[in-house]
Amino acid sequence: MFQFFGKTYDPVRDFARLKNNVQRVFSRMLDGEWHAITDLQTVGGSAARTRVSNLKTAFEMPIESEPTDESGTLWKYRLILRDVDPEMARRVLEYDLTEELKAKLRTASTEKTRALRKELHKLLDRVPNEDLDEARITLERLVEEASDLDFGFEDW
């Protein structure tokens, strides 16, 4: 199964965003029309060309390309609809992390939480008793705000 990669790729931080970008580029191309890279960037981000490449190589989508002008510096892309079957589309639209990677991320998240909790206790040990209530209220507010964040892993 295809996985994103790269020197700075972090699945926790990047997977949901990159997956959504691939799916949005695919959805835009489902009309079978030609799309300039600038059009695809509006839904797939600045690396839309890479998302097109992901669709072609990892998901085996039949995509043709041609230069938009004689200089050959800008290209346009078109999904060949007659060659796309429902199973191919399903693979793109239902793409998710492997169960193995989900388990690794849960473990890493738990370990990171434990480490952060230890750091927090060290910091709180240094807070004077008269400031503990204020520190506790601030921490509770921060935790509440952080719990509102959506990282794209709803089913964990």
C-alpha atoms as a PDB file:
ATOM      1  CA  MET A   1       0.000   0.000   0.000  1.00  0.00           C
ATOM      2  CA  PHE A   2       1.207   3.489  -0.844  1.00  0.00           C
ATOM      3  CA  GLN A   3       2.592   5.621   1.980  1.00  0.00           C
ATOM      4  CA  PHE A   4       3.698   9.230   1.831  1.00  0.00           C
ATOM      5  CA  PHE A   5       7.372   9.755   2.523  1.00  0.00           C
ATOM      6  CA  GLY A   6      10.070  12.383   2.684  1.00  0.00           C
ATOM      7  CA  LYS A   7      12.800  13.731   4.877  1.00  0.00           C
ATOM      8  CA  THR A   8      10.426  15.896   6.931  1.00  0.00           C
ATOM      9  CA  TYR A   9       7.284  13.744   6.603  1.00  0.00           C
ATOM     10  CA  ASP A  10       5.591  13.103   9.943  1.00  0.00           C
ATOM     11  CA  PRO A  11       2.423  10.967   9.674  1.00  0.00           C
ATOM     12  CA  VAL A  12       0.812  12.558  12.724  1.00  0.00           C
ATOM     13  CA  ARG A  13       1.300  16.047  11.358  1.00  0.00           C
ATOM     14  CA  ASP A  14       1.054  15.438   7.598  1.00  0.00           C
ATOM     15  CA  PHE A  15      -0.961  12.338   6.659  1.00  0.00           C
ATOM     16  CA  ALA A  16      -4.506  13.724   6.843  1.00  0.00           C
ATOM     17  CA  ARG A  17      -3.570  16.883   4.927  1.00  0.00           C
ATOM     18  CA  LEU A  18      -1.719  15.017   2.148  1.00  0.00           C
ATOM     19  CA  LYS A  19      -4.432  12.361   1.852  1.00  0.00           C
ATOM     20  CA  ASN A  20      -7.072  15.073   1.548  1.00  0.00           C
ATOM     21  CA  ASN A  21      -4.998  16.874  -1.085  1.00  0.00           C
ATOM     22  CA  VAL A  22      -4.724  13.708  -3.207  1.00  0.00           C
ATOM     23  CA  GLN A  23      -8.455  13.068  -2.863  1.00  0.00           C
ATOM     24  CA  ARG A  24      -9.343  16.675  -3.782  1.00  0.00           C
ATOM     25  CA  VAL A  25      -7.091  16.596  -6.878  1.00  0.00           C
ATOM     26  CA  PHE A  26      -8.693  13.299  -7.901  1.00  0.00           C
ATOM     27  CA  SER A  27     -12.196  14.716  -7.372  1.00  0.00           C
ATOM     28  CA  ARG A  28     -11.367  17.800  -9.441  1.00  0.00           C
ATOM     29  CA  MET A  29     -10.086  15.594 -12.274  1.00  0.00           C
ATOM     30  CA  LEU A  30     -13.199  13.399 -12.322  1.00  0.00           C
ATOM     31  CA  ASP A  31     -14.732  15.694 -14.933  1.00  0.00           C
ATOM     32  CA  GLY A  32     -12.313  14.287 -17.539  1.00  0.00           C
ATOM     33  CA  GLU A  33     -11.316  17.790 -18.654  1.00  0.00           C
ATOM     34  CA  TRP A  34      -7.830  19.249 -18.951  1.00  0.00           C
ATOM     35  CA  HIS A  35      -6.589  20.975 -15.792  1.00  0.00           C
ATOM     36  CA  ALA A  36      -3.647  23.340 -15.581  1.00  0.00           C
ATOM     37  CA  ILE A  37      -1.412  22.830 -12.575  1.00  0.00           C
ATOM     38  CA  THR A  38      -2.533  26.213 -11.228  1.00  0.00           C
ATOM     39  CA  ASP A  39      -6.126  24.916 -11.194  1.00  0.00           C
ATOM     40  CA  LEU A  40      -5.117  21.758  -9.340  1.00  0.00           C
ATOM     41  CA  GLN A  41      -3.111  23.796  -6.836  1.00  0.00           C
ATOM     42  CA  THR A  42      -6.323  25.482  -5.684  1.00  0.00           C
ATOM     43  CA  VAL A  43      -7.512  22.135  -4.304  1.00  0.00           C
ATOM     44  CA  GLY A  44      -4.280  20.185  -3.869  1.00  0.00           C
ATOM     45  CA  GLY A  45      -1.922  22.778  -2.473  1.00  0.00           C
ATOM     46  CA  SER A  46       1.380  24.025  -3.824  1.00  0.00           C
ATOM     47  CA  ALA A  47       2.605  20.462  -4.413  1.00  0.00           C
ATOM     48  CA  ALA A  48      -0.326  19.551  -6.673  1.00  0.00           C
ATOM     49  CA  ARG A  49       2.107  18.163  -9.265  1.00  0.00           C
ATOM     50  CA  THR A  50       3.280  15.646  -6.665  1.00  0.00           C
ATOM     51  CA  ARG A  51      -0.349  14.745  -5.894  1.00  0.00           C
ATOM     52  CA  VAL A  52      -0.919  14.074  -9.627  1.00  0.00           C
ATOM     53  CA  SER A  53       2.199  11.900  -9.556  1.00  0.00           C
ATOM     54  CA  ASN A  54       0.818  10.057  -6.487  1.00  0.00           C
ATOM     55  CA  LEU A  55      -2.381   9.342  -8.405  1.00  0.00           C
ATOM     56  CA  LYS A  56      -0.486   8.066 -11.459  1.00  0.00           C
ATOM     57  CA  THR A  57       2.075   5.896  -9.710  1.00  0.00           C
ATOM     58  CA  ALA A  58       0.605   4.799  -6.392  1.00  0.00           C
ATOM     59  CA  PHE A  59      -3.035   4.533  -7.432  1.00  0.00           C
ATOM     60  CA  GLU A  60      -2.364   3.638 -11.090  1.00  0.00           C
ATOM     61  CA  MET A  61      -4.717   6.319 -12.367  1.00  0.00           C
ATOM     62  CA  PRO A  62      -4.657   6.826 -16.136  1.00  0.00           C
ATOM     63  CA  ILE A  63      -3.622  10.475 -16.373  1.00  0.00           C
ATOM     64  CA  GLU A  64      -2.292  12.075 -19.501  1.00  0.00           C
ATOM     65  CA  SER A  65      -0.280  15.262 -19.564  1.00  0.00           C
ATOM     66  CA  GLU A  66       0.849  17.769 -22.141  1.00  0.00           C
ATOM     67  CA  PRO A  67       2.501  21.171 -22.091  1.00  0.00           C
ATOM     68  CA  THR A  68       0.179  24.166 -22.035  1.00  0.00           C
ATOM     69  CA  ASP A  69       2.465  26.159 -24.338  1.00  0.00           C
ATOM     70  CA  GLU A  70       5.429  25.719 -26.668  1.00  0.00           C
ATOM     71  CA  SER A  71       7.983  26.511 -23.965  1.00  0.00           C
ATOM     72  CA  GLY A  72       7.019  23.331 -22.115  1.00  0.00           C
ATOM     73  CA  THR A  73       7.358  24.981 -18.715  1.00  0.00           C
ATOM     74  CA  LEU A  74       3.713  24.587 -17.660  1.00  0.00           C
ATOM     75  CA  TRP A  75       1.723  21.409 -18.025  1.00  0.00           C
ATOM     76  CA  LYS A  76      -1.905  20.355 -17.922  1.00  0.00           C
ATOM     77  CA  TYR A  77      -3.368  17.018 -16.838  1.00  0.00           C
ATOM     78  CA  ARG A  78      -6.456  14.975 -17.655  1.00  0.00           C
ATOM     79  CA  LEU A  79      -7.883  11.836 -16.092  1.00  0.00           C
ATOM     80  CA  ILE A  80      -8.859   9.317 -18.791  1.00  0.00           C
ATOM     81  CA  LEU A  81     -12.288   8.429 -17.442  1.00  0.00           C
ATOM     82  CA  ARG A  82     -12.945   5.460 -19.732  1.00  0.00           C
ATOM     83  CA  ASP A  83      -9.992   3.667 -18.092  1.00  0.00           C
ATOM     84  CA  VAL A  84     -11.027   4.332 -14.470  1.00  0.00           C
ATOM     85  CA  ASP A  85     -13.021   1.546 -12.863  1.00  0.00           C
ATOM     86  CA  PRO A  86     -14.955   1.804  -9.575  1.00  0.00           C
ATOM     87  CA  GLU A  87     -12.309  -0.171  -7.645  1.00  0.00           C
ATOM     88  CA  MET A  88      -9.591   2.305  -8.660  1.00  0.00           C
ATOM     89  CA  ALA A  89     -11.734   5.226  -7.512  1.00  0.00           C
ATOM     90  CA  ARG A  90     -12.546   3.463  -4.236  1.00  0.00           C
ATOM     91  CA  ARG A  91      -8.831   2.980  -3.476  1.00  0.00           C
ATOM     92  CA  VAL A  92      -8.247   6.725  -3.739  1.00  0.00           C
ATOM     93  CA  LEU A  93     -11.362   7.846  -1.904  1.00  0.00           C
ATOM     94  CA  GLU A  94     -11.001   5.323   0.953  1.00  0.00           C
ATOM     95  CA  TYR A  95      -7.226   5.583   1.306  1.00  0.00           C
ATOM     96  CA  ASP A  96      -6.090   5.553   4.926  1.00  0.00           C
ATOM     97  CA  LEU A  97      -3.139   4.678   7.119  1.00  0.00           C
ATOM     98  CA  THR A  98      -2.269   1.020   7.463  1.00  0.00           C
ATOM     99  CA  GLU A  99      -3.319  -0.607  10.744  1.00  0.00           C
ATOM    100  CA  GLU A 100       0.366  -1.178  11.540  1.00  0.00           C
ATOM    101  CA  LEU A 101       1.174   2.514  11.185  1.00  0.00           C
ATOM    102  CA  LYS A 102      -1.914   3.502  13.193  1.00  0.00           C
ATOM    103  CA  ALA A 103      -0.704   1.239  16.024  1.00  0.00           C
ATOM    104  CA  LYS A 104       2.784   2.772  15.888  1.00  0.00           C
ATOM    105  CA  LEU A 105       1.333   6.272  16.013  1.00  0.00           C
ATOM    106  CA  ARG A 106      -0.893   5.406  18.988  1.00  0.00           C
ATOM    107  CA  THR A 107       2.156   4.012  20.807  1.00  0.00           C
ATOM    108  CA  ALA A 108       4.243   7.065  19.950  1.00  0.00           C
ATOM    109  CA  SER A 109       1.422   9.337  21.071  1.00  0.00           C
ATOM    110  CA  THR A 110       1.128   7.509  24.413  1.00  0.00           C
ATOM    111  CA  GLU A 111       4.896   7.671  24.967  1.00  0.00           C
ATOM    112  CA  LYS A 112       4.960  11.361  24.088  1.00  0.00           C
ATOM    113  CA  THR A 113       2.058  12.018  26.476  1.00  0.00           C
ATOM    114  CA  ARG A 114       3.933  10.272  29.298  1.00  0.00           C
ATOM    115  CA  ALA A 115       7.082  12.281  28.586  1.00  0.00           C
ATOM    116  CA  LEU A 116       5.112  15.542  28.500  1.00  0.00           C
ATOM    117  CA  ARG A 117       3.378  14.653  31.759  1.00  0.00           C
ATOM    118  CA  LYS A 118       6.780  14.100  33.434  1.00  0.00           C
ATOM    119  CA  GLU A 119       7.994  17.458  32.133  1.00  0.00           C
ATOM    120  CA  LEU A 120       4.830  19.106  33.404  1.00  0.00           C
ATOM    121  CA  HIS A 121       5.323  17.657  36.881  1.00  0.00           C
ATOM    122  CA  LYS A 122       8.905  18.937  36.927  1.00  0.00           C
ATOM    123  CA  LEU A 123       7.679  22.413  35.997  1.00  0.00           C
ATOM    124  CA  LEU A 124       4.865  22.373  38.547  1.00  0.00           C
ATOM    125  CA  ASP A 125       7.293  21.355  41.282  1.00  0.00           C
ATOM    126  CA  ARG A 126       8.996  24.722  40.733  1.00  0.00           C
ATOM    127  CA  VAL A 127       5.783  26.763  40.966  1.00  0.00           C
ATOM    128  CA  PRO A 128       5.279  28.427  44.365  1.00  0.00           C
ATOM    129  CA  ASN A 129       2.238  27.102  46.251  1.00  0.00           C
ATOM    130  CA  GLU A 130       0.390  30.421  46.016  1.00  0.00           C
ATOM    131  CA  ASP A 131       0.569  30.228  42.169  1.00  0.00           C
ATOM    132  CA  LEU A 132      -0.527  26.607  41.791  1.00  0.00           C
ATOM    133  CA  ASP A 133      -4.234  27.379  41.361  1.00  0.00           C
ATOM    134  CA  GLU A 134      -3.543  29.851  38.573  1.00  0.00           C
ATOM    135  CA  ALA A 135      -1.153  27.387  36.895  1.00  0.00           C
ATOM    136  CA  ARG A 136      -3.781  24.611  37.120  1.00  0.00           C
ATOM    137  CA  ILE A 137      -6.481  26.834  35.566  1.00  0.00           C
ATOM    138  CA  THR A 138      -4.138  27.834  32.729  1.00  0.00           C
ATOM    139  CA  LEU A 139      -3.225  24.193  32.045  1.00  0.00           C
ATOM    140  CA  GLU A 140      -6.854  23.105  32.047  1.00  0.00           C
ATOM    141  CA  ARG A 141      -7.670  25.828  29.508  1.00  0.00           C
ATOM    142  CA  LEU A 142      -4.757  24.772  27.289  1.00  0.00           C
ATOM    143  CA  VAL A 143      -5.774  21.111  27.427  1.00  0.00           C
ATOM    144  CA  GLU A 144      -9.362  22.029  26.569  1.00  0.00           C
ATOM    145  CA  GLU A 145      -8.217  24.104  23.597  1.00  0.00           C
ATOM    146  CA  ALA A 146      -5.902  21.319  22.389  1.00  0.00           C
ATOM    147  CA  SER A 147      -8.704  18.745  22.562  1.00  0.00           C
ATOM    148  CA  ASP A 148     -10.636  20.789  19.987  1.00  0.00           C
ATOM    149  CA  LEU A 149      -7.953  20.209  17.359  1.00  0.00           C
ATOM    150  CA  ASP A 150      -8.739  17.781  14.526  1.00  0.00           C
ATOM    151  CA  PHE A 151      -5.784  15.719  13.348  1.00  0.00           C
ATOM    152  CA  GLY A 152      -7.755  13.540  10.926  1.00  0.00           C
ATOM    153  CA  PHE A 153      -7.593  10.359  13.011  1.00  0.00           C
ATOM    154  CA  GLU A 154     -11.176  10.271  14.280  1.00  0.00           C
ATOM    155  CA  ASP A 155     -11.407   6.489  14.594  1.00  0.00           C
ATOM    156  CA  TRP A 156      -8.505   5.995  16.992  1.00  0.00           C
END
